[in-house]
C-alpha atoms as a PDB file:
ATOM      1  CA  MET A   1       7.106 -10.804   1.697  1.00  0.00           C
ATOM      2  CA  ARG A   2       4.287 -12.780   2.755  1.00  0.00           C
ATOM      3  CA  GLU A   3       0.756 -11.470   2.946  1.00  0.00           C
ATOM      4  CA  ILE A   4      -1.483 -12.640   6.082  1.00  0.00           C
ATOM      5  CA  LYS A   5      -5.106 -11.308   6.198  1.00  0.00           C
ATOM      6  CA  VAL A   6      -5.846 -10.069   9.884  1.00  0.00           C
ATOM      7  CA  ARG A   7      -8.859  -8.932  11.858  1.00  0.00           C
ATOM      8  CA  TYR A   8      -8.402  -6.110  14.485  1.00  0.00           C
ATOM      9  CA  GLU A   9     -10.418  -7.033  17.634  1.00  0.00           C
ATOM     10  CA  ASN A  10     -10.211  -5.567  20.938  1.00  0.00           C
ATOM     11  CA  GLY A  11      -7.138  -3.752  20.248  1.00  0.00           C
ATOM     12  CA  VAL A  12      -5.020  -6.799  18.780  1.00  0.00           C
ATOM     13  CA  PHE A  13      -4.622  -7.624  15.132  1.00  0.00           C
ATOM     14  CA  LYS A  14      -5.503 -11.671  14.668  1.00  0.00           C
ATOM     15  CA  PRO A  15      -4.738 -13.604  11.705  1.00  0.00           C
ATOM     16  CA  LEU A  16      -7.817 -15.058  10.007  1.00  0.00           C
ATOM     17  CA  LYS A  17      -6.118 -18.464   9.315  1.00  0.00           C
ATOM     18  CA  LYS A  18      -3.635 -20.406  11.131  1.00  0.00           C
ATOM     19  CA  THR A  19       0.029 -19.312  10.648  1.00  0.00           C
ATOM     20  CA  GLU A  20       2.971 -21.639  10.188  1.00  0.00           C
ATOM     21  CA  ARG A  21       6.710 -20.985  10.470  1.00  0.00           C
ATOM     22  CA  ILE A  22       6.177 -17.444  11.934  1.00  0.00           C
ATOM     23  CA  GLN A  23       8.434 -17.362  15.323  1.00  0.00           C
ATOM     24  CA  GLU A  24       7.005 -15.814  18.413  1.00  0.00           C
ATOM     25  CA  GLY A  25       7.889 -12.039  18.348  1.00  0.00           C
ATOM     26  CA  ALA A  26       8.383 -11.735  14.833  1.00  0.00           C
ATOM     27  CA  GLU A  27       7.724  -8.268  13.622  1.00  0.00           C
ATOM     28  CA  GLY A  28       5.934  -6.864  10.327  1.00  0.00           C
ATOM     29  CA  GLU A  29       3.713  -4.164   9.068  1.00  0.00           C
ATOM     30  CA  VAL A  30       0.043  -4.057   8.493  1.00  0.00           C
ATOM     31  CA  HIS A  31      -1.521  -2.074   5.447  1.00  0.00           C
ATOM     32  CA  LEU A  32      -4.934  -0.984   5.959  1.00  0.00           C
ATOM     33  CA  LYS A  33      -7.401  -1.294   2.912  1.00  0.00           C
ATOM     34  CA  ASP A  34     -10.254   1.088   2.511  1.00  0.00           C
ATOM     35  CA  GLN A  35     -13.906   0.571   2.745  1.00  0.00           C
ATOM     36  CA  ILE A  36     -13.969  -0.788  -1.040  1.00  0.00           C
ATOM     37  CA  GLY A  37     -10.719  -3.029  -0.765  1.00  0.00           C
ATOM     38  CA  ARG A  38      -7.994  -0.713  -2.209  1.00  0.00           C
ATOM     39  CA  LEU A  39      -4.671   0.216  -0.240  1.00  0.00           C
ATOM     40  CA  SER A  40      -4.657   3.900   0.513  1.00  0.00           C
ATOM     41  CA  MET A  41      -2.330   6.114  -1.781  1.00  0.00           C
ATOM     42  CA  ARG A  42      -0.335   6.939   1.113  1.00  0.00           C
ATOM     43  CA  SER A  43       0.659   3.098   1.738  1.00  0.00           C
ATOM     44  CA  SER A  44       1.878   2.939  -1.950  1.00  0.00           C
ATOM     45  CA  GLU A  45       5.747   3.154  -2.276  1.00  0.00           C
ATOM     46  CA  PHE A  46       5.549   5.585  -4.990  1.00  0.00           C
ATOM     47  CA  PHE A  47       3.653   8.285  -2.788  1.00  0.00           C
ATOM     48  CA  GLY A  48       5.708  11.368  -2.872  1.00  0.00           C
ATOM     49  CA  LEU A  49       8.026  10.229  -5.640  1.00  0.00           C
ATOM     50  CA  TRP A  50       7.728  13.687  -7.349  1.00  0.00           C
ATOM     51  CA  LYS A  51       7.315  15.992  -4.703  1.00  0.00           C
ATOM     52  CA  ASP A  52      10.690  17.776  -5.192  1.00  0.00           C
ATOM     53  CA  ARG A  53      10.267  17.929  -8.815  1.00  0.00           C
ATOM     54  CA  LYS A  54      10.096  21.696 -10.183  1.00  0.00           C
ATOM     55  CA  ASP A  55       9.094  20.905 -13.599  1.00  0.00           C
ATOM     56  CA  MET A  56       6.218  18.387 -12.283  1.00  0.00           C
ATOM     57  CA  LYS A  57       3.448  20.405 -10.396  1.00  0.00           C
ATOM     58  CA  ASP A  58       0.964  17.843 -10.400  1.00  0.00           C
ATOM     59  CA  GLY A  59       2.083  14.102 -10.486  1.00  0.00           C
ATOM     60  CA  LEU A  60      -1.211  12.462 -10.887  1.00  0.00           C
ATOM     61  CA  ALA A  61      -2.122  14.813 -14.198  1.00  0.00           C
ATOM     62  CA  TYR A  62       1.642  13.979 -15.431  1.00  0.00           C
ATOM     63  CA  VAL A  63       0.798  10.161 -15.107  1.00  0.00           C
ATOM     64  CA  GLN A  64      -2.485  10.432 -16.573  1.00  0.00           C
ATOM     65  CA  LYS A  65      -0.939  12.337 -19.538  1.00  0.00           C
ATOM     66  CA  LEU A  66       1.550   9.251 -19.828  1.00  0.00           C
ATOM     67  CA  ARG A  67      -1.098   6.812 -19.799  1.00  0.00           C
ATOM     68  CA  SER A  68      -3.467   8.382 -22.457  1.00  0.00           C
ATOM     69  CA  GLU A  69      -0.700   9.006 -25.026  1.00  0.00           C
ATOM     70  CA  PRO A  70       0.827   5.470 -25.877  1.00  0.00           C
ATOM     71  CA  ARG A  71       4.163   5.317 -26.589  1.00  0.00           C
ATOM     72  CA  TYR A  72       4.361   2.028 -28.804  1.00  0.00           C
END
């Protein structure tokens, strides 16, 4: 996967630098960062990973607990 920085102007995403070896009509995805430069949680491939788990009511609390208790 290649990252291309773009700017949205007049309804069009425009690359900030000259792009090479991209064919006309090529398609891709744009993931926008929030105001402080982070990707939104919903854009993460892990979003909703535990939504069907009955034993885990709060995924964030579960991850925080794992991080607070080192295993090694």
